[in-house]
């Protein structure tokens, strides 16, 4: 069904990027759901342990909060970059020169 939708878009004159835009959008949404859930878990689980360790080590609580925000942001940015690069590489590998899906690269 999805392949037919893609091929229909191509036959109506859409470029490859236009035809796969909806699929890529759904891929980003599906990929970021676990990332956002793990980011929330980081705030609930790691935050008290990290802050307690820094405060017991003599650090200022506001400094501990800043470090936590930087770490959570870096983890999220790394996840976003990984998803983007994976989709970009898959886009280049999965299609031939005419924009047709290369079925031989997929396992049956």
Protein backbone atom coordinates (compact mmCIF):
# COMPACT_ATOMS: atom_id res chain seq x y z
CA UNK A 1 0.00 0.00 0.00
CA UNK A 2 2.73 2.50 0.95
CA UNK A 3 4.75 1.66 -2.14
CA UNK A 4 1.68 2.19 -4.31
CA UNK A 5 1.09 5.59 -2.69
CA UNK A 6 4.70 6.53 -3.37
CA UNK A 7 4.56 5.34 -6.99
CA UNK A 8 1.26 7.15 -7.51
CA UNK A 9 2.83 10.39 -6.29
CA UNK A 10 5.73 9.89 -8.68
CA UNK A 11 3.38 9.20 -11.59
CA UNK A 12 1.50 12.42 -10.83
CA UNK A 13 4.72 14.39 -11.30
CA UNK A 14 6.07 14.64 -7.76
CA UNK A 15 9.81 14.61 -7.21
CA UNK A 16 11.24 11.82 -5.07
CA UNK A 17 11.62 14.10 -2.04
CA UNK A 18 8.03 15.31 -2.39
CA UNK A 19 6.72 11.76 -2.72
CA UNK A 20 8.49 10.49 0.40
CA UNK A 21 7.92 13.57 2.56
CA UNK A 22 4.94 12.04 4.40
CA UNK A 23 6.84 8.82 5.06
CA UNK A 24 9.85 10.70 6.41
CA UNK A 25 7.63 12.86 8.59
CA UNK A 26 6.03 9.74 10.09
CA UNK A 27 9.49 8.19 10.55
CA UNK A 28 10.67 11.20 12.54
CA UNK A 29 7.56 11.08 14.73
CA UNK A 30 7.98 7.35 15.37
CA UNK A 31 11.69 7.72 16.07
CA UNK A 32 11.30 10.63 18.48
CA UNK A 33 8.60 9.11 20.68
CA UNK A 34 11.11 6.90 22.56
CA UNK A 35 13.67 9.72 22.64
CA UNK A 36 11.19 12.08 24.27
CA UNK A 37 10.11 9.36 26.71
CA UNK A 38 13.71 8.65 27.70
CA UNK A 39 14.36 12.38 28.11
CA UNK A 40 11.46 12.53 30.55
CA UNK A 41 12.88 9.51 32.40
CA UNK A 42 16.27 11.21 32.57
CA UNK A 43 14.65 14.16 34.30
CA UNK A 44 12.89 11.93 36.80
CA UNK A 45 15.60 9.37 37.53
CA UNK A 46 19.03 10.81 36.78
CA UNK A 47 18.35 14.35 37.92
CA UNK A 48 18.12 13.63 41.67
CA UNK A 49 21.15 11.31 41.64
CA UNK A 50 23.31 13.66 39.64
CA UNK A 51 22.29 16.71 41.62
CA UNK A 52 22.75 14.93 44.93
CA UNK A 53 26.24 13.82 43.90
CA UNK A 54 27.22 17.31 42.83
CA UNK A 55 25.75 18.96 45.91
CA UNK A 56 27.46 16.44 48.22
CA UNK A 57 30.66 17.14 46.31
CA UNK A 58 30.33 20.83 47.20
CA UNK A 59 28.87 22.18 43.97
CA UNK A 60 26.28 24.93 43.83
CA UNK A 61 22.72 23.56 43.17
CA UNK A 62 22.21 26.00 40.28
CA UNK A 63 25.42 24.75 38.69
CA UNK A 64 24.17 21.18 39.05
CA UNK A 65 20.91 22.15 37.33
CA UNK A 66 22.82 23.80 34.48
CA UNK A 67 24.94 20.68 33.99
CA UNK A 68 21.83 18.51 33.92
CA UNK A 69 20.17 20.72 31.32
CA UNK A 70 23.29 20.62 29.13
CA UNK A 71 23.56 16.83 29.39
CA UNK A 72 19.87 16.23 28.58
CA UNK A 73 20.09 18.68 25.66
CA UNK A 74 23.22 16.96 24.32
CA UNK A 75 21.59 13.53 24.53
CA UNK A 76 18.49 14.79 22.71
CA UNK A 77 20.56 16.58 20.04
CA UNK A 78 22.60 13.42 19.49
CA UNK A 79 19.44 11.40 19.05
CA UNK A 80 18.01 13.92 16.57
CA UNK A 81 21.25 13.92 14.58
CA UNK A 82 21.35 10.11 14.53
CA UNK A 83 17.78 9.84 13.23
CA UNK A 84 18.39 12.51 10.59
CA UNK A 85 21.60 10.89 9.33
CA UNK A 86 20.02 7.43 9.28
CA UNK A 87 17.07 8.61 7.21
CA UNK A 88 19.32 10.61 4.87
CA UNK A 89 21.60 7.63 4.23
CA UNK A 90 18.64 5.29 3.79
CA UNK A 91 17.13 7.71 1.26
CA UNK A 92 20.27 7.51 -0.85
CA UNK A 93 20.59 3.72 -0.63
CA UNK A 94 16.95 2.65 -0.95
CA UNK A 95 16.18 4.24 -4.34
CA UNK A 96 17.65 3.80 -7.82
CA UNK A 97 18.43 6.60 -10.27
CA UNK A 98 14.77 6.87 -11.35
CA UNK A 99 13.39 7.09 -7.81
CA UNK A 100 12.10 3.51 -7.74
CA UNK A 101 12.53 1.53 -4.52
CA UNK A 102 15.34 -1.03 -4.76
CA UNK A 103 13.71 -4.19 -3.44
CA UNK A 104 16.89 -6.27 -3.65
CA UNK A 105 18.41 -4.51 -0.63
CA UNK A 106 15.63 -5.68 1.71
CA UNK A 107 15.54 -9.10 3.32
CA UNK A 108 12.51 -11.25 2.71
